[in-house]
Amino acid sequence: MLVGLGFVIVVGCVIGSFLGAGGHIAALMQPLELLCILGAAIGAFVISNSGKTIKTTLGALPKCFKGATYTKERYVQLISLLFEILQKARKDGMMALEADVETPASSPVFTKYPEVLADTHLLDFIIDYLRMMSSGNLTVHEIQDLMDAELETHHAEAAVPSSALQAVADGLPAFGIVSAVMGVVHTMGSVGAAPAVLGEMIAGALVGTFLGILLAYGFVGPLASLLLAKSKEESKPYECVKCVLLASLGGYAPSIAVEFGRKVLFTFDRPSFTELEDAVKATRGPR
């Protein structure tokens, strides 16, 4: 919604100011210039990226037009799930989690939180480290090092689409110049034509520079920045899980361990202490 509104503002202000100054919209209609710029940019994108990167980038683009995946409500679900798991382990021992970890889809604990259960990557992350905690063969520092390495890989992979798209944005002004130069070459080869014709040809060539810069800074560049911001938001659930599990391994009670996870969340998604406390109390049921 906001992305579409932003595009409308960009186009409206740029074209509106041009028309307000007495320009003619027909002068900007240069489909061959657009073909040159976009075709070259797409070709460079294909050349500079692997098939996996291209597929990942195209698959990530729809995220720009959707809201945040994890909201405050989903974070409350995630932290409540972690609290319930740790509470069960504290009461009955880590081995009591074996059935929940092996078959989370049929676990009475996990099935209470369908949105977390539906996030297969995050679910795998939780289950893998619960298995390691159950084995008892790894120290807190060893598990932390392993988590850090995995999260570093996750962050690097999540940043791939934004980096690939930013490279396209960086190249678009140059392709605009290429298009403009080609137009000038064509114009110089037509010397002798009527001044009005030459002026129209020069104007068409300059539109190439205009389109390259506009596409770079008004459309593709902002989308790359948005994808990077979304990748950072999507990493927060993993950091939340990491902090909660490490705090538990450090000897903190579940009610304190979940506070470690709450504190790493961005403030606009972070549930308040009271909101989390109420959610955690609800997992205990009536007494």
Protein backbone atom coordinates (compact mmCIF):
# COMPACT_ATOMS: atom_id res chain seq x y z
CA MET A 1 0.00 0.00 0.00
CA LEU A 2 2.69 2.50 1.04
CA VAL A 3 4.94 1.42 -1.84
CA GLY A 4 2.21 2.12 -4.37
CA LEU A 5 1.51 5.47 -2.73
CA GLY A 6 5.21 6.32 -2.88
CA PHE A 7 5.35 5.49 -6.60
CA VAL A 8 2.33 7.71 -7.24
CA ILE A 9 3.98 10.60 -5.35
CA VAL A 10 7.25 10.19 -7.29
CA VAL A 11 5.56 10.10 -10.69
CA GLY A 12 3.02 12.78 -9.80
CA CYS A 13 5.57 15.28 -8.53
CA VAL A 14 8.12 14.72 -11.31
CA ILE A 15 5.66 14.75 -14.20
CA GLY A 16 3.52 17.43 -12.55
CA SER A 17 6.44 19.82 -12.21
CA PHE A 18 7.42 19.16 -15.83
CA LEU A 19 3.93 19.93 -17.08
CA GLY A 20 3.67 22.92 -14.76
CA ALA A 21 6.77 24.42 -16.36
CA GLY A 22 5.12 24.17 -19.76
CA GLY A 23 6.54 20.82 -20.85
CA HIS A 24 4.71 18.44 -23.17
CA ILE A 25 4.07 14.91 -21.94
CA ALA A 26 4.50 13.55 -25.47
CA ALA A 27 8.18 14.52 -25.34
CA LEU A 28 8.71 11.99 -22.54
CA MET A 29 7.13 9.12 -24.43
CA GLN A 30 10.29 7.39 -25.66
CA PRO A 31 9.63 3.62 -25.62
CA LEU A 32 12.89 2.78 -27.38
CA GLU A 33 14.90 4.68 -24.76
CA LEU A 34 13.05 2.74 -22.06
CA LEU A 35 13.70 -0.53 -23.87
CA CYS A 36 17.42 0.24 -24.06
CA ILE A 37 17.71 1.11 -20.36
CA LEU A 38 15.54 -1.66 -18.91
CA GLY A 39 16.87 -4.28 -21.32
CA ALA A 40 20.48 -3.47 -20.47
CA ALA A 41 19.70 -3.41 -16.74
CA ILE A 42 17.93 -6.78 -16.86
CA GLY A 43 20.74 -8.26 -18.93
CA ALA A 44 23.36 -7.03 -16.46
CA PHE A 45 21.28 -8.41 -13.60
CA VAL A 46 21.20 -11.85 -15.25
CA ILE A 47 24.93 -11.76 -15.99
CA SER A 48 26.01 -10.71 -12.50
CA ASN A 49 23.90 -13.14 -10.49
CA SER A 50 23.51 -16.88 -10.19
CA GLY A 51 20.23 -18.64 -10.95
CA LYS A 52 19.54 -19.01 -7.23
CA THR A 53 20.07 -15.30 -6.61
CA ILE A 54 17.79 -14.34 -9.50
CA LYS A 55 15.08 -16.68 -8.25
CA THR A 56 15.45 -15.46 -4.66
CA THR A 57 15.33 -11.80 -5.70
CA LEU A 58 12.23 -12.23 -7.84
CA GLY A 59 10.59 -14.20 -5.04
CA ALA A 60 11.41 -11.48 -2.52
CA LEU A 61 9.94 -8.59 -4.52
CA PRO A 62 6.30 -9.32 -3.53
CA LYS A 63 7.34 -8.72 0.11
CA CYS A 64 7.69 -5.03 -0.72
CA PHE A 65 3.95 -4.80 -1.23
CA LYS A 66 2.99 -6.70 1.93
CA GLY A 67 2.97 -5.74 5.58
CA ALA A 68 5.39 -6.99 8.22
CA THR A 69 5.48 -10.76 8.68
CA TYR A 70 6.02 -10.56 12.43
CA THR A 71 3.80 -8.18 14.36
CA LYS A 72 3.53 -7.62 18.09
CA GLU A 73 0.83 -10.30 18.29
CA ARG A 74 3.04 -12.89 16.60
CA TYR A 75 5.94 -12.03 18.87
CA VAL A 76 3.67 -12.57 21.86
CA GLN A 77 2.82 -16.01 20.45
CA LEU A 78 6.49 -16.82 19.88
CA ILE A 79 7.62 -15.78 23.35
CA SER A 80 4.64 -17.52 24.97
CA LEU A 81 5.59 -20.72 23.16
CA LEU A 82 9.18 -20.44 24.36
CA PHE A 83 8.01 -19.80 27.91
CA GLU A 84 5.74 -22.84 27.87
CA ILE A 85 8.50 -25.06 26.50
CA LEU A 86 11.02 -23.89 29.07
CA GLN A 87 8.48 -24.17 31.88
CA LYS A 88 7.78 -27.76 30.91
CA ALA A 89 11.50 -28.53 30.73
CA ARG A 90 12.10 -26.91 34.12
CA LYS A 91 9.30 -28.91 35.71
CA ASP A 92 9.73 -32.32 34.04
CA GLY A 93 13.25 -32.18 32.61
CA MET A 94 14.51 -31.60 29.08
CA MET A 95 13.76 -35.18 28.08
CA ALA A 96 10.07 -34.41 28.55
CA LEU A 97 10.30 -32.30 25.40
CA GLU A 98 11.33 -35.23 23.21
CA ALA A 99 7.85 -35.89 21.83
CA ASP A 100 7.20 -32.20 21.22
CA VAL A 101 10.50 -31.76 19.42
CA GLU A 102 10.20 -34.88 17.25
CA THR A 103 6.63 -34.22 16.09
CA PRO A 104 5.80 -30.54 16.63
CA ALA A 105 2.78 -30.75 14.31
CA SER A 106 1.06 -33.05 16.81
CA SER A 107 2.54 -31.50 19.95
CA PRO A 108 -0.06 -30.09 22.36
CA VAL A 109 2.38 -27.24 23.06
CA PHE A 110 3.32 -26.22 19.52
CA THR A 111 -0.18 -26.58 18.08
CA LYS A 112 -1.40 -23.86 20.45
CA TYR A 113 0.68 -21.41 18.41
CA PRO A 114 -0.26 -21.99 14.74
CA GLU A 115 1.48 -18.91 13.36
CA VAL A 116 4.82 -20.00 14.79
CA LEU A 117 4.19 -23.58 13.67
CA ALA A 118 3.56 -22.33 10.13
CA ASP A 119 6.97 -20.62 9.98
CA THR A 120 8.97 -23.71 9.05
CA HIS A 121 12.42 -22.05 9.07
CA LEU A 122 11.97 -20.54 12.52
CA LEU A 123 10.42 -23.77 13.78
CA ASP A 124 13.45 -25.74 12.59
CA PHE A 125 15.71 -23.24 14.34
CA ILE A 126 13.85 -23.69 17.64
CA ILE A 127 13.69 -27.48 17.40
CA ASP A 128 17.35 -27.92 16.43
CA TYR A 129 18.58 -26.06 19.50
CA LEU A 130 16.09 -27.72 21.81
CA ARG A 131 17.56 -31.03 20.64
CA MET A 132 21.06 -29.79 21.42
CA MET A 133 19.96 -28.56 24.83
CA SER A 134 18.39 -31.96 25.52
CA SER A 135 21.58 -33.82 24.60
CA GLY A 136 23.49 -32.02 27.36
CA ASN A 137 26.78 -32.44 25.49
CA LEU A 138 27.30 -28.79 24.58
CA THR A 139 28.11 -25.87 26.84
CA VAL A 140 26.30 -22.54 26.75
CA HIS A 141 29.22 -20.91 24.92
CA GLU A 142 29.39 -23.66 22.32
CA ILE A 143 25.68 -23.34 21.56
CA GLN A 144 25.99 -19.55 21.43
CA ASP A 145 28.87 -19.78 18.95
CA LEU A 146 26.84 -22.16 16.80
CA MET A 147 23.80 -19.86 16.93
CA ASP A 148 25.95 -16.86 15.99
CA ALA A 149 27.38 -18.72 13.00
CA GLU A 150 23.94 -19.82 11.82
CA LEU A 151 22.44 -16.37 12.23
CA GLU A 152 25.35 -14.81 10.37
CA THR A 153 24.61 -17.14 7.46
CA HIS A 154 20.89 -16.36 7.70
CA HIS A 155 21.54 -12.59 7.64
CA ALA A 156 23.89 -12.92 4.65
CA GLU A 157 21.31 -14.92 2.70
CA ALA A 158 18.50 -12.54 3.62
CA ALA A 159 20.51 -9.57 2.32
CA VAL A 160 21.13 -11.12 -1.11
CA PRO A 161 17.96 -9.81 -2.84
CA SER A 162 18.47 -6.24 -1.64
CA SER A 163 22.13 -6.27 -2.70
CA ALA A 164 21.27 -7.63 -6.15
CA LEU A 165 18.52 -5.05 -6.62
CA GLN A 166 20.74 -2.22 -5.37
CA ALA A 167 23.34 -3.17 -7.98
CA VAL A 168 20.67 -2.75 -10.66
CA ALA A 169 19.73 0.65 -9.22
CA ASP A 170 23.40 1.72 -9.25
CA GLY A 171 23.69 0.80 -12.92
CA LEU A 172 20.49 2.41 -14.20
CA PRO A 173 21.87 6.03 -14.39
CA ALA A 174 24.80 4.74 -16.45
CA PHE A 175 22.49 2.87 -18.80
CA GLY A 176 20.48 6.10 -19.09
CA ILE A 177 23.65 7.84 -20.22
CA VAL A 178 24.34 5.05 -22.71
CA SER A 179 20.86 5.53 -24.13
CA ALA A 180 21.36 9.29 -24.30
CA VAL A 181 24.74 8.96 -26.04
CA MET A 182 23.22 6.63 -28.61
CA GLY A 183 20.51 9.22 -29.23
CA VAL A 184 23.12 11.95 -29.67
CA VAL A 185 25.08 9.77 -32.10
CA HIS A 186 21.91 9.23 -34.08
CA THR A 187 21.24 12.97 -34.04
CA MET A 188 24.77 13.83 -35.22
CA GLY A 189 24.32 11.39 -38.06
CA SER A 190 21.24 13.34 -39.10
CA VAL A 191 22.91 16.75 -39.34
CA GLY A 192 21.31 18.64 -42.19
CA ALA A 193 17.78 17.88 -41.12
CA ALA A 194 15.45 20.69 -40.15
CA PRO A 195 16.26 22.36 -36.78
CA ALA A 196 12.87 21.30 -35.40
CA VAL A 197 13.64 17.67 -36.22
CA LEU A 198 17.11 17.85 -34.68
CA GLY A 199 15.70 19.48 -31.55
CA GLU A 200 13.17 16.69 -31.18
CA MET A 201 15.90 14.07 -31.57
CA ILE A 202 18.10 15.74 -28.94
CA ALA A 203 15.15 15.96 -26.55
CA GLY A 204 14.47 12.25 -27.05
CA ALA A 205 18.11 11.44 -26.31
CA LEU A 206 18.06 13.45 -23.07
CA VAL A 207 14.98 11.55 -21.94
CA GLY A 208 17.25 8.49 -21.66
CA THR A 209 19.31 10.18 -18.95
CA PHE A 210 16.13 11.31 -17.23
CA LEU A 211 14.61 7.81 -17.22
CA GLY A 212 17.79 6.13 -15.97
CA ILE A 213 18.08 8.47 -12.99
CA LEU A 214 14.36 8.39 -12.21
CA LEU A 215 14.16 4.60 -12.30
CA ALA A 216 17.27 4.28 -10.12
CA TYR A 217 16.42 6.73 -7.36
CA GLY A 218 12.63 6.78 -7.57
CA PHE A 219 11.82 3.09 -8.01
CA VAL A 220 14.51 0.39 -7.92
CA GLY A 221 16.75 1.93 -5.24
CA PRO A 222 13.90 2.44 -2.75
CA LEU A 223 12.71 -1.14 -3.32
CA ALA A 224 16.25 -2.41 -2.55
CA SER A 225 16.30 -0.37 0.67
CA LEU A 226 12.88 -1.70 1.65
CA LEU A 227 13.98 -5.30 1.08
CA LEU A 228 17.02 -4.72 3.29
CA ALA A 229 14.83 -3.29 6.05
CA LYS A 230 12.47 -6.26 5.79
CA SER A 231 15.36 -8.71 5.97
CA LYS A 232 16.47 -7.08 9.23
CA GLU A 233 12.93 -7.30 10.62
CA GLU A 234 12.73 -10.98 9.67
CA SER A 235 15.94 -11.73 11.56
CA LYS A 236 14.49 -10.53 14.86
CA PRO A 237 12.46 -13.68 15.65
CA TYR A 238 15.67 -15.72 15.43
CA GLU A 239 17.54 -13.32 17.70
CA CYS A 240 14.62 -13.44 20.13
CA VAL A 241 14.73 -17.26 20.25
CA LYS A 242 18.50 -17.17 20.66
CA CYS A 243 18.38 -14.81 23.63
CA VAL A 244 15.60 -16.73 25.39
CA LEU A 245 17.26 -20.15 25.02
CA LEU A 246 20.70 -18.89 26.02
CA ALA A 247 19.25 -17.16 29.07
CA SER A 248 17.57 -20.41 30.04
CA LEU A 249 20.84 -22.30 29.61
CA GLY A 250 22.47 -19.66 31.77
CA GLY A 251 20.21 -20.67 34.64
CA TYR A 252 17.50 -18.01 34.48
CA ALA A 253 13.90 -18.93 35.22
CA PRO A 254 11.56 -19.02 32.16
CA SER A 255 9.78 -15.85 33.29
CA ILE A 256 13.13 -14.01 33.27
CA ALA A 257 14.52 -15.73 30.17
CA VAL A 258 11.65 -14.50 28.00
CA GLU A 259 12.47 -10.94 29.05
CA PHE A 260 15.86 -11.35 27.36
CA GLY A 261 14.03 -12.17 24.14
CA ARG A 262 11.57 -9.31 24.48
CA LYS A 263 14.33 -6.75 24.89
CA VAL A 264 16.01 -7.50 21.54
CA LEU A 265 12.85 -6.71 19.54
CA PHE A 266 12.39 -3.42 17.74
CA THR A 267 10.39 -1.02 19.89
CA PHE A 268 7.51 -0.72 17.42
CA ASP A 269 6.97 -4.51 17.55
CA ARG A 270 7.97 -5.14 21.15
CA PRO A 271 5.16 -6.13 23.53
CA SER A 272 5.17 -4.31 26.83
CA PHE A 273 6.17 -6.04 30.05
CA THR A 274 2.50 -6.20 31.10
CA GLU A 275 1.32 -7.56 27.75
CA LEU A 276 3.90 -10.32 27.85
CA GLU A 277 3.23 -11.09 31.49
CA ASP A 278 -0.49 -11.49 30.79
CA ALA A 279 0.24 -13.78 27.84
CA VAL A 280 2.64 -15.87 29.91
CA LYS A 281 0.14 -16.19 32.74
CA ALA A 282 -2.46 -17.41 30.25
CA THR A 283 -0.20 -20.36 29.31
CA ARG A 284 -0.32 -21.59 32.90
CA GLY A 285 -4.09 -21.89 32.84
CA PRO A 286 -6.39 -21.44 35.81
CA ARG A 287 -5.14 -22.46 39.22
